[in-house]
Structures are given as structure tokens and as C-alpha cells.
Amino acid sequence: MLGEVLVESEKPPAEPPAFARTGIRVVASFPAGQAPEQLAQSVAARVLEAVPTGPLVLQAFTPDSPAGNRLADEADAILEAVRTRLPADRLLEETWRARESGATLVELCVAPGVVVVGSVPAREALSLSPGGRQRMRRPGDAASRAAMKLEEALVSLPFEPGRGEVCVDLGAAPGGWTQRLVARGARVIAVDPAKLIPELAGLPRVEHIQESAFAYTPEEPADWLFCDMAWRPIEVAQLLAKWGRRGWATHLVANIKLPMKDKNPILLRVRHILVEEGGWQALTIRQLYHDRDEVTVTAHRTL
């Protein structure tokens, strides 16, 4: 442990850690308490030495802990002071363009007693948000807070459901995910014995199948499979594996609920089931900022 909610290791992990919000290669660290001008100058010099060419996305964050959150104003001040000492033509303001531009993500972690400087190629970054805190706004018409989990999951993908694509939403009620997918122009098959919110009833691009997700069989393959069921994780993983094995969907976005204890063994079993039994490829398992006792799984399959 480098500090509260901060972990360091000598080598990067073979797989992205499921419970990590962000990950950076540390290039320098400075003791807190230095004069702001001196600190900013030292940080800027180290950034330019570590990343001498190419576009940069400069961010600052504090550990997501009570002590870390109290340093938010200090982190903002350091960020602005460092920014003024870097070449303006190298700073990429549109963070969402970082991956396509081949930019390097440079993060300043302002923690109690230390300022850590790290970098990571944007294409390899776990998140493009400062410290991995991807705060999503809850739309005013959202059926539940589940909409924020879906929005955050889609932000991390290189593409998202497009107009006219077919999405199956398993365990859809009351309709939070279906509502956001329809707003993107997709056609949604919502599967749940329970009712959807009235706003979704009668929409031409929503078909509600009132039966169990475990009993449902699609009439044709879907472009996307979505699932946010409050059900036992292994059984949900087996259901998602069946969809992959039978070629019923091309892309997968699902939330897997976790037990209070022994989370890692469950995650290993879920990964095995989805990859080995379901044939899902490019699998990612991460606990996103808006997740609670759950992780978000994304994958695709070549049909």
C-alpha cells in the first residue's frame, strides 16, 4: 500500500485489476509542503522529460478517501500551475479524443504528504477521467440510477449502440437501461416478467417480452446483449455464456452482482465461464465508479 486506497507494484498486472479505477506508471514523486511555484516547476520538468513528444492530457486527482478529498482544492491549484509551464500546443483539451490522437495521459496524484506524477498511453488507460472517477449525470427522466452505470460503461467502449441496432435488455424492468438505449436510436427487446415504466409502453422501438431472462430465446441474433439482473453471479454468467456460445449477440455489456465475501474467487469463475464456455472475446471486468457491490463486464464475439 502506497497510502489509503493507493496501491503500488513493481510490474504491471497481467490483467487490468477489476477493482482499480486508474493505473499509471510512476515517473516521479515529490514531498508535499514545497512552495507551489517550485513544485509546479519540478513537476513540469519531469513531465517533459518522461513524455518529450506527442499530445498530452494533463489531469490531477486525489485519493477517494476522506483525507484525500480534503486536498481537492490543492490538487486543482497544482494542476493549473503545472499546465501553464507546459507547451500549450501539446495539451489536448478534448479528453475524449485522447485515444484516437495517440495522446499520453499524465496524472498528478495529490495525496497526504506526497505528490505522485505518472503517465500511461491513453489507449491503455483504464479510464480517461481524473483518478478514474467517471461521474455521470442522472438524466431527469431516468427510471433509476442504473442509467448512470450504463452510460459509464458505454463511455469506456470504442463504440456504442447505433441507430437501428438491435439490443436485448435482460432483466430490463423498470426500464432504466432500455430507456437510455432507445434514446440512442436503438431498437430494444426488453425481457422481464415485471412491468416497464409507462413512458416506454407503446414505443415502436421497444418490444417487451414478459418472461424470465433464463427462459427467453431470441428469434434472431442481436447486435448487443445488455444485462443488469439482481441474481446470483454464477447463474448470470452461465446465462451470458449461453448467449455467446449460441451466437445470439455480438457485443456484451453486463453487470454482475457480487457476494459480500470471497469476491475474487467468484470473479475468476465468472471469467472462466464467459471465456471458456461462452467464447466471449476481449473480456473486461471492472468495478466502475457508479457500480456498488457489482462489476461491469464488456466483451464481443465474432459471429
Protein backbone atom coordinates (compact mmCIF):
# COMPACT_ATOMS: atom_id res chain seq x y z
CA MET A 1 0.00 0.00 0.00
CA LEU A 2 1.36 3.39 -1.04
CA GLY A 3 -1.32 5.06 1.07
CA GLU A 4 -5.02 4.86 1.77
CA VAL A 5 -6.75 3.45 -1.36
CA LEU A 6 -3.43 3.67 -3.27
CA VAL A 7 -1.52 0.53 -4.29
CA GLU A 8 1.87 0.28 -5.97
CA SER A 9 3.61 -2.68 -7.59
CA GLU A 10 6.93 -3.30 -9.31
CA LYS A 11 5.33 -4.61 -12.50
CA PRO A 12 2.01 -4.00 -14.23
CA PRO A 13 -0.51 -6.81 -13.68
CA ALA A 14 -1.12 -9.36 -16.42
CA GLU A 15 -4.82 -8.43 -16.42
CA PRO A 16 -6.26 -4.99 -15.54
CA PRO A 17 -7.32 -5.19 -11.87
CA ALA A 18 -11.08 -5.44 -11.57
CA PHE A 19 -11.25 -3.05 -8.63
CA ALA A 20 -8.75 -0.42 -9.87
CA ARG A 21 -10.14 2.88 -11.10
CA THR A 22 -6.94 4.05 -12.76
CA GLY A 23 -3.38 2.89 -13.24
CA ILE A 24 -0.24 4.89 -14.07
CA ARG A 25 3.48 4.32 -14.43
CA VAL A 26 5.04 6.49 -11.74
CA VAL A 27 7.76 8.74 -13.15
CA ALA A 28 8.39 10.97 -10.11
CA SER A 29 7.19 11.80 -6.64
CA PHE A 30 7.63 14.94 -4.57
CA PRO A 31 7.07 15.58 -0.88
CA ALA A 32 4.09 17.77 -0.13
CA GLY A 33 4.67 21.13 1.50
CA GLN A 34 7.01 22.58 -1.11
CA ALA A 35 6.46 26.13 -2.33
CA PRO A 36 3.79 25.95 -5.07
CA GLU A 37 5.99 27.60 -7.71
CA GLN A 38 8.91 25.31 -7.02
CA LEU A 39 6.69 22.22 -7.01
CA ALA A 40 4.98 23.16 -10.28
CA GLN A 41 8.30 23.81 -11.97
CA SER A 42 9.71 20.47 -10.81
CA VAL A 43 6.61 18.55 -11.90
CA ALA A 44 6.51 20.22 -15.32
CA ALA A 45 10.18 19.47 -15.93
CA ARG A 46 9.70 15.82 -15.02
CA VAL A 47 6.63 15.51 -17.26
CA LEU A 48 8.54 16.88 -20.26
CA GLU A 49 11.44 14.57 -19.55
CA ALA A 50 9.18 11.50 -19.27
CA VAL A 51 6.99 12.41 -22.27
CA PRO A 52 9.17 14.51 -24.60
CA THR A 53 6.90 14.39 -27.66
CA GLY A 54 3.27 14.00 -28.65
CA PRO A 55 -0.04 15.29 -27.30
CA LEU A 56 -0.72 15.25 -23.56
CA VAL A 57 -3.83 15.10 -21.43
CA LEU A 58 -2.96 16.58 -18.04
CA GLN A 59 -5.16 15.71 -15.05
CA ALA A 60 -4.98 15.80 -11.26
CA PHE A 61 -6.82 13.71 -8.70
CA THR A 62 -6.84 12.93 -5.01
CA PRO A 63 -7.36 9.51 -3.39
CA ASP A 64 -11.05 8.78 -2.91
CA SER A 65 -10.86 8.86 0.87
CA PRO A 66 -11.85 11.46 3.49
CA ALA A 67 -8.25 12.66 3.84
CA GLY A 68 -7.72 12.67 0.09
CA ASN A 69 -10.91 14.54 -0.73
CA ARG A 70 -9.85 17.41 1.54
CA LEU A 71 -6.95 18.03 -0.86
CA ALA A 72 -9.15 18.71 -3.90
CA ASP A 73 -8.52 22.47 -3.95
CA GLU A 74 -4.78 21.94 -3.60
CA ALA A 75 -4.84 19.46 -6.48
CA ASP A 76 -6.67 21.95 -8.70
CA ALA A 77 -4.13 24.67 -7.88
CA ILE A 78 -1.16 22.40 -8.66
CA LEU A 79 -2.80 21.28 -11.91
CA GLU A 80 -3.22 24.85 -13.16
CA ALA A 81 0.29 25.84 -12.11
CA VAL A 82 1.80 22.88 -13.97
CA ARG A 83 -0.41 23.45 -17.01
CA THR A 84 0.98 26.98 -17.51
CA ARG A 85 4.53 25.54 -17.62
CA LEU A 86 3.83 23.03 -20.39
CA PRO A 87 3.72 23.80 -24.12
CA ALA A 88 0.17 24.86 -24.91
CA ASP A 89 0.29 23.24 -28.35
CA ARG A 90 0.86 19.82 -26.78
CA LEU A 91 -2.05 19.95 -24.33
CA LEU A 92 -5.14 18.18 -25.63
CA GLU A 93 -8.26 19.76 -24.15
CA GLU A 94 -10.79 17.31 -25.63
CA THR A 95 -10.08 14.33 -23.39
CA TRP A 96 -12.47 12.12 -25.38
CA ARG A 97 -10.06 12.42 -28.34
CA ALA A 98 -7.08 11.14 -26.35
CA ARG A 99 -7.15 7.56 -27.64
CA GLU A 100 -7.67 8.37 -31.29
CA SER A 101 -4.96 11.06 -31.10
CA GLY A 102 -2.36 8.73 -29.60
CA ALA A 103 -2.05 11.02 -26.59
CA THR A 104 -0.36 10.26 -23.29
CA LEU A 105 -2.44 10.61 -20.13
CA VAL A 106 -0.43 12.35 -17.40
CA GLU A 107 -1.93 12.27 -13.94
CA LEU A 108 -0.89 14.12 -10.81
CA CYS A 109 -1.98 12.25 -7.70
CA VAL A 110 -2.09 14.69 -4.78
CA ALA A 111 -2.14 12.52 -1.67
CA PRO A 112 -1.46 13.27 2.00
CA GLY A 113 2.26 14.02 2.25
CA VAL A 114 3.17 13.38 -1.38
CA VAL A 115 2.51 14.39 -4.99
CA VAL A 116 2.94 11.49 -7.43
CA VAL A 117 3.41 12.05 -11.16
CA GLY A 118 2.54 9.22 -13.53
CA SER A 119 1.72 8.56 -17.15
CA VAL A 120 0.06 5.97 -19.35
CA PRO A 121 -0.72 5.85 -23.09
CA ALA A 122 -4.35 6.87 -23.45
CA ARG A 123 -5.09 3.72 -25.48
CA GLU A 124 -4.01 1.61 -22.49
CA ALA A 125 -5.64 3.71 -19.76
CA LEU A 126 -8.28 2.10 -17.56
CA SER A 127 -10.15 5.40 -17.62
CA LEU A 128 -9.80 8.83 -19.20
CA SER A 129 -11.30 10.54 -16.15
CA PRO A 130 -9.13 12.01 -13.37
CA GLY A 131 -8.39 9.18 -10.97
CA GLY A 132 -10.89 7.01 -12.82
CA ARG A 133 -13.85 8.85 -11.31
CA GLN A 134 -16.19 8.97 -14.31
CA ARG A 135 -19.06 10.96 -12.84
CA MET A 136 -22.20 10.63 -14.95
CA ARG A 137 -25.25 12.84 -14.63
CA ARG A 138 -28.53 11.13 -13.99
CA PRO A 139 -30.95 12.27 -16.71
CA GLY A 140 -34.07 13.89 -15.32
CA ASP A 141 -36.30 11.30 -16.95
CA ALA A 142 -34.19 8.29 -15.88
CA ALA A 143 -36.19 5.42 -14.43
CA SER A 144 -33.42 4.63 -11.90
CA ARG A 145 -29.78 5.34 -11.08
CA ALA A 146 -28.93 2.27 -13.17
CA ALA A 147 -28.85 4.61 -16.16
CA MET A 148 -25.59 6.12 -14.88
CA LYS A 149 -23.95 2.69 -14.74
CA LEU A 150 -24.84 2.06 -18.36
CA GLU A 151 -23.63 5.48 -19.51
CA GLU A 152 -20.30 4.97 -17.74
CA ALA A 153 -19.87 1.51 -19.26
CA LEU A 154 -20.51 2.80 -22.77
CA VAL A 155 -18.03 5.67 -22.34
CA SER A 156 -15.24 3.14 -21.87
CA LEU A 157 -16.02 1.35 -25.14
CA PRO A 158 -14.63 2.40 -28.54
CA PHE A 159 -18.18 2.35 -29.95
CA GLU A 160 -21.74 2.14 -28.69
CA PRO A 161 -25.18 1.02 -29.89
CA GLY A 162 -26.11 2.92 -33.03
CA ARG A 163 -29.35 3.91 -34.65
CA GLY A 164 -31.35 0.89 -35.75
CA GLU A 165 -29.18 -1.69 -33.98
CA VAL A 166 -30.97 -4.43 -32.05
CA CYS A 167 -30.34 -4.57 -28.30
CA VAL A 168 -31.65 -7.20 -25.91
CA ASP A 169 -32.00 -5.99 -22.31
CA LEU A 170 -32.26 -8.94 -19.92
CA GLY A 171 -33.90 -8.13 -16.59
CA ALA A 172 -34.99 -4.80 -18.03
CA ALA A 173 -37.61 -3.62 -15.50
CA PRO A 174 -38.27 -0.89 -14.64
CA GLY A 175 -36.51 0.17 -17.83
CA GLY A 176 -33.52 2.33 -16.94
CA TRP A 177 -31.16 0.74 -19.46
CA THR A 178 -33.84 0.31 -22.12
CA GLN A 179 -34.70 4.00 -21.83
CA ARG A 180 -31.09 5.10 -22.48
CA LEU A 181 -30.65 2.67 -25.39
CA VAL A 182 -33.82 3.92 -27.07
CA ALA A 183 -32.56 7.47 -26.66
CA ARG A 184 -29.54 6.44 -28.75
CA GLY A 185 -31.82 5.29 -31.55
CA ALA A 186 -31.56 1.55 -30.91
CA ARG A 187 -34.37 -0.98 -31.12
CA VAL A 188 -34.72 -2.74 -27.76
CA ILE A 189 -36.16 -6.10 -26.80
CA ALA A 190 -36.76 -5.73 -23.06
CA VAL A 191 -37.06 -9.07 -21.25
CA ASP A 192 -38.56 -9.09 -17.74
CA PRO A 193 -41.70 -10.54 -16.11
CA ALA A 194 -42.24 -7.19 -14.36
CA LYS A 195 -43.69 -4.08 -15.99
CA LEU A 196 -41.68 -1.27 -17.57
CA ILE A 197 -42.24 2.39 -16.75
CA PRO A 198 -45.25 3.88 -18.58
CA GLU A 199 -43.01 6.13 -20.70
CA LEU A 200 -41.72 3.05 -22.52
CA ALA A 201 -45.08 1.42 -23.13
CA GLY A 202 -46.18 1.68 -26.72
CA LEU A 203 -42.89 2.99 -28.10
CA PRO A 204 -42.42 1.49 -31.58
CA ARG A 205 -38.74 0.68 -30.91
CA VAL A 206 -39.41 -1.19 -27.64
CA GLU A 207 -40.70 -4.76 -27.51
CA HIS A 208 -41.44 -6.02 -24.01
CA ILE A 209 -41.19 -9.79 -23.53
CA GLN A 210 -42.79 -10.55 -20.15
CA GLU A 211 -40.95 -13.72 -19.22
CA SER A 212 -37.83 -14.81 -17.36
CA ALA A 213 -34.48 -13.96 -18.92
CA PHE A 214 -33.47 -17.57 -18.28
CA ALA A 215 -36.36 -18.88 -20.39
CA TYR A 216 -36.15 -16.38 -23.23
CA THR A 217 -34.87 -17.49 -26.64
CA PRO A 218 -34.35 -14.78 -29.30
CA GLU A 219 -35.92 -15.17 -32.72
CA GLU A 220 -32.83 -13.67 -34.39
CA PRO A 221 -29.29 -12.69 -33.28
CA ALA A 222 -28.95 -9.26 -31.66
CA ASP A 223 -26.23 -6.68 -32.11
CA TRP A 224 -25.95 -6.06 -28.36
CA LEU A 225 -26.76 -8.01 -25.20
CA PHE A 226 -27.31 -5.99 -22.02
CA CYS A 227 -27.95 -7.41 -18.57
CA ASP A 228 -28.34 -5.84 -15.13
CA MET A 229 -30.09 -8.59 -13.21
CA ALA A 230 -30.10 -8.79 -9.42
CA TRP A 231 -29.35 -12.51 -9.48
CA ARG A 232 -26.66 -14.95 -8.37
CA PRO A 233 -23.42 -14.20 -10.28
CA ILE A 234 -22.55 -17.71 -11.45
CA GLU A 235 -26.04 -18.32 -12.84
CA VAL A 236 -25.98 -14.96 -14.66
CA ALA A 237 -22.53 -15.79 -16.07
CA GLN A 238 -23.85 -19.14 -17.33
CA LEU A 239 -26.78 -17.37 -18.99
CA LEU A 240 -24.47 -14.87 -20.71
CA ALA A 241 -22.19 -17.73 -21.76
CA LYS A 242 -25.15 -19.44 -23.45
CA TRP A 243 -25.78 -16.30 -25.49
CA GLY A 244 -22.14 -16.24 -26.59
CA ARG A 245 -21.93 -19.97 -27.30
CA ARG A 246 -25.06 -19.93 -29.46
CA GLY A 247 -24.11 -16.77 -31.32
CA TRP A 248 -27.16 -14.85 -30.17
CA ALA A 249 -25.34 -11.50 -29.76
CA THR A 250 -22.19 -9.74 -30.98
CA HIS A 251 -21.47 -7.34 -28.11
CA LEU A 252 -21.96 -7.75 -24.36
CA VAL A 253 -22.39 -5.24 -21.54
CA ALA A 254 -23.50 -6.71 -18.21
CA ASN A 255 -23.39 -6.06 -14.51
CA ILE A 256 -22.51 -9.00 -12.27
CA LYS A 257 -23.62 -8.71 -8.64
CA LEU A 258 -21.01 -9.81 -6.11
CA PRO A 259 -21.28 -11.54 -2.72
CA MET A 260 -20.18 -9.72 0.41
CA LYS A 261 -17.22 -12.10 0.83
CA ASP A 262 -14.88 -14.04 -1.48
CA LYS A 263 -15.32 -11.68 -4.41
CA ASN A 264 -12.11 -12.65 -6.23
CA PRO A 265 -12.85 -16.40 -6.48
CA ILE A 266 -16.28 -15.53 -7.91
CA LEU A 267 -14.69 -13.20 -10.48
CA LEU A 268 -12.28 -15.92 -11.57
CA ARG A 269 -15.18 -18.33 -12.07
CA VAL A 270 -17.20 -15.70 -13.97
CA ARG A 271 -14.24 -15.01 -16.28
CA HIS A 272 -13.74 -18.73 -16.94
CA ILE A 273 -17.41 -19.29 -17.72
CA LEU A 274 -17.68 -16.33 -20.10
CA VAL A 275 -14.44 -17.02 -21.98
CA GLU A 276 -14.11 -20.79 -21.95
CA GLU A 277 -17.78 -21.77 -22.05
CA GLY A 278 -19.24 -18.75 -23.82
CA GLY A 279 -16.47 -17.87 -26.26
CA TRP A 280 -16.68 -14.16 -25.44
CA GLN A 281 -13.56 -12.27 -26.55
CA ALA A 282 -11.70 -9.14 -25.35
CA LEU A 283 -13.37 -9.57 -21.97
CA THR A 284 -13.04 -6.76 -19.43
CA ILE A 285 -14.21 -6.93 -15.81
CA ARG A 286 -14.14 -3.68 -13.84
CA GLN A 287 -15.88 -2.08 -10.92
CA LEU A 288 -16.84 1.28 -12.36
CA TYR A 289 -17.32 4.48 -10.38
CA HIS A 290 -21.13 4.14 -10.31
CA ASP A 291 -21.07 0.41 -9.52
CA ARG A 292 -21.75 -0.72 -5.98
CA ASP A 293 -21.41 -4.39 -4.96
CA GLU A 294 -21.01 -5.39 -8.59
CA VAL A 295 -18.67 -5.30 -11.57
CA THR A 296 -19.30 -4.36 -15.18
CA VAL A 297 -18.39 -6.87 -17.88
CA THR A 298 -17.84 -5.96 -21.52
CA ALA A 299 -16.93 -8.30 -24.39
CA HIS A 300 -17.62 -9.09 -28.01
CA ARG A 301 -17.85 -12.16 -30.16
CA THR A 302 -17.06 -12.71 -33.82
CA LEU A 303 -20.07 -14.46 -35.31
